[in-house]
Amino acid sequence: MAAEQVGDTVGSAAGGAGGTAGGAAATDAPPAFVFVGGRPCLDFVATLGRRGSLDLERLPDPESLVRWFSESGLTPPGSPGAAGTPPPTTVRVTDADLERARGLRESAYRLIRAVPEERTPAPADVALVNAFAAAPDLVPRLTWTPPGGPAAATGWTGGDAVGAALSTVARDTVTLLGSPLLARVKQCENPVCTLLFLDDSQARRRRWCSMERCGNLAKVAGYRSRSARRT
């Protein structure tokens, strides 16, 4: 089914990793990350795809969490020798860190979905997100590299880099949950896609996680349906 292949696949181009779903090359390819949420916390929630059906785990090992931190922009690659920028630092993630990250992800997802699902969230989820948010988060860092000029990035000042990155995600979750923007968070209308996104369109009529992933599929399906009825 085309919607299943595009809505959430292994090795799709949406997250930057190559490969063709179901092909030999995709067998060893890590699941591609998806950045269509419009918020760090929504993109982090998207590291578990096709919820309730496939449950595609995009964080199967510690290395994948390192990769998500980098691709999401939370941990910059750095630029050796640039003014005010330290050499690149590799984030080291343990199995315990990975379990902590997954726990935060699922608590954040349940809290974000609590309002549209009209349910009271579990106190344990609130406490967990608050605990992560209470830790030191990533700090903004100015870089200035000729001829590119100034640029903003995030980084950490030492200590627990993983905790700082997860704290940043947790604080974004808290900020979103406590703001009017929460009412703009939608779930993709593709029935096999469970991705969440912030609808920042002017008319607030966005229906799909992205046109490239699910919107075009809906257009093609609608066209075929209309053609079949005419014939």
C-alpha atoms as a PDB file:
ATOM      1  CA  MET A   1       0.000   0.000   0.000  1.00  0.00           C
ATOM      2  CA  ALA A   2       1.533   3.327  -1.071  1.00  0.00           C
ATOM      3  CA  ALA A   3       0.349   5.240   1.977  1.00  0.00           C
ATOM      4  CA  GLU A   4       2.106   2.764   4.221  1.00  0.00           C
ATOM      5  CA  GLN A   5       5.317   3.058   2.258  1.00  0.00           C
ATOM      6  CA  VAL A   6       5.485   6.837   2.360  1.00  0.00           C
ATOM      7  CA  GLY A   7       3.774   7.650   5.648  1.00  0.00           C
ATOM      8  CA  ASP A   8       6.527   6.030   7.730  1.00  0.00           C
ATOM      9  CA  THR A   9       9.201   3.873   6.172  1.00  0.00           C
ATOM     10  CA  VAL A  10      12.609   2.497   6.913  1.00  0.00           C
ATOM     11  CA  GLY A  11      15.307   4.240   4.929  1.00  0.00           C
ATOM     12  CA  SER A  12      13.064   6.918   3.409  1.00  0.00           C
ATOM     13  CA  ALA A  13      14.601  10.169   2.244  1.00  0.00           C
ATOM     14  CA  ALA A  14      12.615  12.284   4.675  1.00  0.00           C
ATOM     15  CA  GLY A  15      15.161  12.070   7.450  1.00  0.00           C
ATOM     16  CA  GLY A  16      18.240  12.161   5.279  1.00  0.00           C
ATOM     17  CA  ALA A  17      18.998   8.411   5.150  1.00  0.00           C
ATOM     18  CA  GLY A  18      18.839   6.662   1.791  1.00  0.00           C
ATOM     19  CA  GLY A  19      17.418   3.328   0.778  1.00  0.00           C
ATOM     20  CA  THR A  20      14.321   1.716  -0.631  1.00  0.00           C
ATOM     21  CA  ALA A  21      11.756   0.149   1.659  1.00  0.00           C
ATOM     22  CA  GLY A  22      11.777  -3.598   1.321  1.00  0.00           C
ATOM     23  CA  GLY A  23      14.996  -3.690  -0.748  1.00  0.00           C
ATOM     24  CA  ALA A  24      18.232  -5.358   0.199  1.00  0.00           C
ATOM     25  CA  ALA A  25      19.947  -2.020   0.739  1.00  0.00           C
ATOM     26  CA  ALA A  26      17.293  -0.969   3.249  1.00  0.00           C
ATOM     27  CA  THR A  27      17.850  -4.035   5.427  1.00  0.00           C
ATOM     28  CA  ASP A  28      21.001  -2.610   6.981  1.00  0.00           C
ATOM     29  CA  ALA A  29      20.000   1.037   6.698  1.00  0.00           C
ATOM     30  CA  PRO A  30      18.949   2.763   9.933  1.00  0.00           C
ATOM     31  CA  PRO A  31      15.399   4.108  10.065  1.00  0.00           C
ATOM     32  CA  ALA A  32      15.318   7.616   8.622  1.00  0.00           C
ATOM     33  CA  PHE A  33      14.351  10.438  10.964  1.00  0.00           C
ATOM     34  CA  VAL A  34      11.448  12.721  10.129  1.00  0.00           C
ATOM     35  CA  PHE A  35      11.515  16.452  10.858  1.00  0.00           C
ATOM     36  CA  VAL A  36       8.074  17.773   9.965  1.00  0.00           C
ATOM     37  CA  GLY A  37       6.732  18.591  13.438  1.00  0.00           C
ATOM     38  CA  GLY A  38       7.787  22.203  13.652  1.00  0.00           C
ATOM     39  CA  ARG A  39       8.963  21.752  17.252  1.00  0.00           C
ATOM     40  CA  PRO A  40      11.853  19.758  18.734  1.00  0.00           C
ATOM     41  CA  CYS A  41       9.513  17.830  21.019  1.00  0.00           C
ATOM     42  CA  LEU A  42       7.224  16.838  18.124  1.00  0.00           C
ATOM     43  CA  ASP A  43      10.184  15.723  16.024  1.00  0.00           C
ATOM     44  CA  PHE A  44      11.439  13.695  18.983  1.00  0.00           C
ATOM     45  CA  VAL A  45       8.033  12.049  19.402  1.00  0.00           C
ATOM     46  CA  ALA A  46       8.278  11.099  15.716  1.00  0.00           C
ATOM     47  CA  THR A  47      11.195   8.781  16.464  1.00  0.00           C
ATOM     48  CA  LEU A  48       8.512   6.148  17.022  1.00  0.00           C
ATOM     49  CA  GLY A  49       6.545   5.850  13.787  1.00  0.00           C
ATOM     50  CA  ARG A  50       3.292   4.184  12.803  1.00  0.00           C
ATOM     51  CA  ARG A  51       2.089   4.038  16.409  1.00  0.00           C
ATOM     52  CA  GLY A  52      -0.398   1.312  17.112  1.00  0.00           C
ATOM     53  CA  SER A  53       0.397  -0.682  13.976  1.00  0.00           C
ATOM     54  CA  LEU A  54       4.026  -1.062  12.942  1.00  0.00           C
ATOM     55  CA  ASP A  55       5.548   0.836  15.891  1.00  0.00           C
ATOM     56  CA  LEU A  56       8.609   1.698  13.840  1.00  0.00           C
ATOM     57  CA  GLU A  57      11.446   2.331  16.304  1.00  0.00           C
ATOM     58  CA  ARG A  58      13.814   4.940  14.920  1.00  0.00           C
ATOM     59  CA  LEU A  59      15.942   4.792  18.076  1.00  0.00           C
ATOM     60  CA  PRO A  60      16.903   1.105  18.102  1.00  0.00           C
ATOM     61  CA  ASP A  61      20.338   1.648  19.645  1.00  0.00           C
ATOM     62  CA  PRO A  62      22.438   4.328  21.387  1.00  0.00           C
ATOM     63  CA  GLU A  63      24.117   5.326  18.130  1.00  0.00           C
ATOM     64  CA  SER A  64      20.766   6.268  16.615  1.00  0.00           C
ATOM     65  CA  LEU A  65      20.114   8.676  19.484  1.00  0.00           C
ATOM     66  CA  VAL A  66      23.484  10.308  18.854  1.00  0.00           C
ATOM     67  CA  ARG A  67      22.486  10.636  15.213  1.00  0.00           C
ATOM     68  CA  TRP A  68      19.105  12.184  16.103  1.00  0.00           C
ATOM     69  CA  PHE A  69      20.769  14.764  18.345  1.00  0.00           C
ATOM     70  CA  SER A  70      23.037  15.726  15.445  1.00  0.00           C
ATOM     71  CA  GLU A  71      20.427  15.726  12.669  1.00  0.00           C
ATOM     72  CA  SER A  72      17.945  17.675  14.792  1.00  0.00           C
ATOM     73  CA  GLY A  73      20.555  20.391  15.348  1.00  0.00           C
ATOM     74  CA  LEU A  74      20.635  19.983  19.119  1.00  0.00           C
ATOM     75  CA  THR A  75      24.297  19.000  19.065  1.00  0.00           C
ATOM     76  CA  PRO A  76      26.169  20.999  16.432  1.00  0.00           C
ATOM     77  CA  PRO A  77      29.035  19.457  14.490  1.00  0.00           C
ATOM     78  CA  GLY A  78      31.299  22.347  15.454  1.00  0.00           C
ATOM     79  CA  SER A  79      34.011  23.909  13.336  1.00  0.00           C
ATOM     80  CA  PRO A  80      37.615  23.486  14.526  1.00  0.00           C
ATOM     81  CA  GLY A  81      39.476  26.756  14.555  1.00  0.00           C
ATOM     82  CA  ALA A  82      36.393  28.954  14.188  1.00  0.00           C
ATOM     83  CA  ALA A  83      36.303  31.889  16.540  1.00  0.00           C
ATOM     84  CA  GLY A  84      34.446  31.027  19.716  1.00  0.00           C
ATOM     85  CA  THR A  85      33.759  27.442  18.651  1.00  0.00           C
ATOM     86  CA  PRO A  86      35.363  24.478  20.379  1.00  0.00           C
ATOM     87  CA  PRO A  87      36.390  21.377  18.403  1.00  0.00           C
ATOM     88  CA  PRO A  88      33.584  18.913  17.695  1.00  0.00           C
ATOM     89  CA  THR A  89      32.653  16.774  20.686  1.00  0.00           C
ATOM     90  CA  THR A  90      31.181  13.321  20.315  1.00  0.00           C
ATOM     91  CA  VAL A  91      28.122  12.686  22.465  1.00  0.00           C
ATOM     92  CA  ARG A  92      28.397   9.330  24.178  1.00  0.00           C
ATOM     93  CA  VAL A  93      25.085   7.559  24.755  1.00  0.00           C
ATOM     94  CA  THR A  94      24.720   4.450  26.889  1.00  0.00           C
ATOM     95  CA  ASP A  95      21.955   1.867  26.885  1.00  0.00           C
ATOM     96  CA  ALA A  96      20.623   3.483  30.053  1.00  0.00           C
ATOM     97  CA  ASP A  97      20.576   6.889  28.320  1.00  0.00           C
ATOM     98  CA  LEU A  98      18.606   5.367  25.448  1.00  0.00           C
ATOM     99  CA  GLU A  99      15.980   3.971  27.817  1.00  0.00           C
ATOM    100  CA  ARG A 100      15.703   7.366  29.520  1.00  0.00           C
ATOM    101  CA  ALA A 101      15.232   9.035  26.154  1.00  0.00           C
ATOM    102  CA  ARG A 102      12.517   6.612  25.100  1.00  0.00           C
ATOM    103  CA  GLY A 103      10.752   7.122  28.412  1.00  0.00           C
ATOM    104  CA  LEU A 104      10.749  10.889  27.906  1.00  0.00           C
ATOM    105  CA  ARG A 105       9.514  10.457  24.355  1.00  0.00           C
ATOM    106  CA  GLU A 106       6.521   8.352  25.338  1.00  0.00           C
ATOM    107  CA  SER A 107       5.574  10.560  28.288  1.00  0.00           C
ATOM    108  CA  ALA A 108       5.768  13.633  26.052  1.00  0.00           C
ATOM    109  CA  TYR A 109       3.591  11.938  23.425  1.00  0.00           C
ATOM    110  CA  ARG A 110       0.905  10.957  25.939  1.00  0.00           C
ATOM    111  CA  LEU A 111       0.843  14.462  27.407  1.00  0.00           C
ATOM    112  CA  ILE A 112       0.580  16.153  24.004  1.00  0.00           C
ATOM    113  CA  ARG A 113      -2.256  13.820  22.980  1.00  0.00           C
ATOM    114  CA  ALA A 114      -4.140  14.130  26.270  1.00  0.00           C
ATOM    115  CA  VAL A 115      -6.058  17.280  25.289  1.00  0.00           C
ATOM    116  CA  PRO A 116      -7.337  16.170  21.842  1.00  0.00           C
ATOM    117  CA  GLU A 117      -8.169  12.761  23.314  1.00  0.00           C
ATOM    118  CA  GLU A 118     -10.026  14.460  26.199  1.00  0.00           C
ATOM    119  CA  ARG A 119      -8.329  12.541  28.975  1.00  0.00           C
ATOM    120  CA  THR A 120      -6.443  13.413  32.125  1.00  0.00           C
ATOM    121  CA  PRO A 121      -2.742  12.618  31.796  1.00  0.00           C
ATOM    122  CA  ALA A 122      -1.033  10.262  34.208  1.00  0.00           C
ATOM    123  CA  PRO A 123       0.744  12.115  37.041  1.00  0.00           C
ATOM    124  CA  ALA A 124       3.807   9.962  36.362  1.00  0.00           C
ATOM    125  CA  ASP A 125       4.112  11.416  32.858  1.00  0.00           C
ATOM    126  CA  VAL A 126       3.883  14.965  34.182  1.00  0.00           C
ATOM    127  CA  ALA A 127       6.487  14.226  36.837  1.00  0.00           C
ATOM    128  CA  LEU A 128       8.865  12.606  34.356  1.00  0.00           C
ATOM    129  CA  VAL A 129       8.778  15.495  31.888  1.00  0.00           C
ATOM    130  CA  ASN A 130       9.226  17.977  34.723  1.00  0.00           C
ATOM    131  CA  ALA A 131      12.196  16.014  36.059  1.00  0.00           C
ATOM    132  CA  PHE A 132      13.946  16.121  32.683  1.00  0.00           C
ATOM    133  CA  ALA A 133      13.112  19.808  32.257  1.00  0.00           C
ATOM    134  CA  ALA A 134      14.615  20.628  35.662  1.00  0.00           C
ATOM    135  CA  ALA A 135      18.080  19.510  34.558  1.00  0.00           C
ATOM    136  CA  PRO A 136      20.503  21.948  32.879  1.00  0.00           C
ATOM    137  CA  ASP A 137      19.662  22.266  29.213  1.00  0.00           C
ATOM    138  CA  LEU A 138      21.708  23.078  26.137  1.00  0.00           C
ATOM    139  CA  VAL A 139      22.988  26.630  25.935  1.00  0.00           C
ATOM    140  CA  PRO A 140      22.957  28.916  22.886  1.00  0.00           C
ATOM    141  CA  ARG A 141      26.354  29.505  21.378  1.00  0.00           C
ATOM    142  CA  LEU A 142      27.377  32.145  18.859  1.00  0.00           C
ATOM    143  CA  THR A 143      29.761  31.117  16.111  1.00  0.00           C
ATOM    144  CA  TRP A 144      31.466  33.452  13.689  1.00  0.00           C
ATOM    145  CA  THR A 145      33.190  31.867  10.741  1.00  0.00           C
ATOM    146  CA  PRO A 146      34.391  33.985   7.801  1.00  0.00           C
ATOM    147  CA  PRO A 147      33.043  34.400   5.210  1.00  0.00           C
ATOM    148  CA  GLY A 148      29.756  33.014   6.522  1.00  0.00           C
ATOM    149  CA  GLY A 149      29.543  35.452   9.403  1.00  0.00           C
ATOM    150  CA  PRO A 150      27.563  34.929  12.613  1.00  0.00           C
ATOM    151  CA  ALA A 151      25.423  31.871  13.266  1.00  0.00           C
ATOM    152  CA  ALA A 152      23.556  30.498  16.265  1.00  0.00           C
ATOM    153  CA  ALA A 153      23.860  26.968  17.541  1.00  0.00           C
ATOM    154  CA  THR A 154      23.311  25.033  20.737  1.00  0.00           C
ATOM    155  CA  GLY A 155      25.863  23.182  22.789  1.00  0.00           C
ATOM    156  CA  TRP A 156      26.771  22.217  26.300  1.00  0.00           C
ATOM    157  CA  THR A 157      29.326  23.508  28.728  1.00  0.00           C
ATOM    158  CA  GLY A 158      30.480  20.103  29.948  1.00  0.00           C
ATOM    159  CA  GLY A 159      29.050  17.343  32.069  1.00  0.00           C
ATOM    160  CA  ASP A 160      25.998  15.396  30.936  1.00  0.00           C
ATOM    161  CA  ALA A 161      25.546  16.241  27.247  1.00  0.00           C
ATOM    162  CA  VAL A 162      22.766  13.653  26.834  1.00  0.00           C
ATOM    163  CA  GLY A 163      20.917  15.002  29.844  1.00  0.00           C
ATOM    164  CA  ALA A 164      21.255  18.545  28.504  1.00  0.00           C
ATOM    165  CA  ALA A 165      19.831  17.552  25.115  1.00  0.00           C
ATOM    166  CA  LEU A 166      16.928  15.670  26.689  1.00  0.00           C
ATOM    167  CA  SER A 167      16.291  18.563  29.037  1.00  0.00           C
ATOM    168  CA  THR A 168      16.006  20.863  26.018  1.00  0.00           C
ATOM    169  CA  VAL A 169      13.411  18.531  24.489  1.00  0.00           C
ATOM    170  CA  ALA A 170      11.528  18.331  27.804  1.00  0.00           C
ATOM    171  CA  ARG A 171      11.496  22.114  28.216  1.00  0.00           C
ATOM    172  CA  ASP A 172      10.146  22.481  24.699  1.00  0.00           C
ATOM    173  CA  THR A 173       7.410  19.997  25.654  1.00  0.00           C
ATOM    174  CA  VAL A 174       6.514  22.018  28.736  1.00  0.00           C
ATOM    175  CA  THR A 175       6.506  25.265  26.761  1.00  0.00           C
ATOM    176  CA  LEU A 176       4.237  23.795  24.095  1.00  0.00           C
ATOM    177  CA  LEU A 177       1.812  22.267  26.602  1.00  0.00           C
ATOM    178  CA  GLY A 178       1.520  25.555  28.461  1.00  0.00           C
ATOM    179  CA  SER A 179       0.886  27.728  25.413  1.00  0.00           C
ATOM    180  CA  PRO A 180      -2.018  28.374  23.002  1.00  0.00           C
ATOM    181  CA  LEU A 181       0.066  26.663  20.308  1.00  0.00           C
ATOM    182  CA  LEU A 182      -1.029  23.310  21.710  1.00  0.00           C
ATOM    183  CA  ALA A 183      -4.393  23.790  19.989  1.00  0.00           C
ATOM    184  CA  ARG A 184      -2.564  23.866  16.645  1.00  0.00           C
ATOM    185  CA  VAL A 185      -0.929  20.475  17.101  1.00  0.00           C
ATOM    186  CA  LYS A 186      -2.536  17.991  14.732  1.00  0.00           C
ATOM    187  CA  GLN A 187      -2.090  14.379  13.725  1.00  0.00           C
ATOM    188  CA  CYS A 188      -1.606  13.611  10.054  1.00  0.00           C
ATOM    189  CA  GLU A 189      -4.886  12.592   8.416  1.00  0.00           C
ATOM    190  CA  ASN A 190      -3.242   9.724   6.582  1.00  0.00           C
ATOM    191  CA  PRO A 191      -4.808   6.821   8.529  1.00  0.00           C
ATOM    192  CA  VAL A 192      -1.540   4.877   8.581  1.00  0.00           C
ATOM    193  CA  CYS A 193       0.590   7.881   9.593  1.00  0.00           C
ATOM    194  CA  THR A 194       0.603   8.983  13.228  1.00  0.00           C
ATOM    195  CA  LEU A 195       3.023  11.898  12.926  1.00  0.00           C
ATOM    196  CA  LEU A 196       2.189  15.039  14.881  1.00  0.00           C
ATOM    197  CA  PHE A 197       2.849  18.534  13.557  1.00  0.00           C
ATOM    198  CA  LEU A 198       2.282  22.156  14.494  1.00  0.00           C
ATOM    199  CA  ASP A 199      -0.118  23.734  12.010  1.00  0.00           C
ATOM    200  CA  ASP A 200       1.414  27.137  11.351  1.00  0.00           C
ATOM    201  CA  SER A 201      -0.495  27.728   8.125  1.00  0.00           C
ATOM    202  CA  GLN A 202      -2.382  31.009   7.887  1.00  0.00           C
ATOM    203  CA  ALA A 203      -5.801  29.375   7.510  1.00  0.00           C
ATOM    204  CA  ARG A 204      -5.044  26.579  10.014  1.00  0.00           C
ATOM    205  CA  ARG A 205      -6.209  24.018   7.446  1.00  0.00           C
ATOM    206  CA  ARG A 206      -3.109  21.874   7.151  1.00  0.00           C
ATOM    207  CA  ARG A 207      -4.100  18.196   7.066  1.00  0.00           C
ATOM    208  CA  TRP A 208      -0.915  16.282   6.322  1.00  0.00           C
ATOM    209  CA  CYS A 209       2.421  15.875   8.039  1.00  0.00           C
ATOM    210  CA  SER A 210       3.830  17.107   4.722  1.00  0.00           C
ATOM    211  CA  MET A 211       2.696  17.224   1.118  1.00  0.00           C
ATOM    212  CA  GLU A 212       5.749  15.230   0.060  1.00  0.00           C
ATOM    213  CA  ARG A 213       4.999  12.377   2.458  1.00  0.00           C
ATOM    214  CA  CYS A 214       1.218  12.023   2.719  1.00  0.00           C
ATOM    215  CA  GLY A 215      -0.450  14.961   0.969  1.00  0.00           C
ATOM    216  CA  ASN A 216       0.533  13.881  -2.520  1.00  0.00           C
ATOM    217  CA  LEU A 217      -0.594  10.341  -1.791  1.00  0.00           C
ATOM    218  CA  ALA A 218      -4.033  11.645  -0.860  1.00  0.00           C
ATOM    219  CA  LYS A 219      -4.188  13.662  -4.081  1.00  0.00           C
ATOM    220  CA  VAL A 220      -3.262  10.647  -6.186  1.00  0.00           C
ATOM    221  CA  ALA A 221      -5.768   8.425  -4.364  1.00  0.00           C
ATOM    222  CA  GLY A 222      -8.506  11.025  -4.839  1.00  0.00           C
ATOM    223  CA  TYR A 223      -7.735  11.375  -8.534  1.00  0.00           C
ATOM    224  CA  ARG A 224      -7.829   7.609  -9.049  1.00  0.00           C
ATOM    225  CA  SER A 225     -11.078   7.321  -7.143  1.00  0.00           C
ATOM    226  CA  ARG A 226     -12.720  10.022  -9.253  1.00  0.00           C
ATOM    227  CA  SER A 227     -11.408   8.438 -12.459  1.00  0.00           C
ATOM    228  CA  ALA A 228     -12.751   5.042 -11.425  1.00  0.00           C
ATOM    229  CA  ARG A 229     -16.208   6.505 -10.765  1.00  0.00           C
ATOM    230  CA  ARG A 230     -16.256   8.239 -14.151  1.00  0.00           C
ATOM    231  CA  THR A 231     -15.364   5.047 -15.981  1.00  0.00           C
END
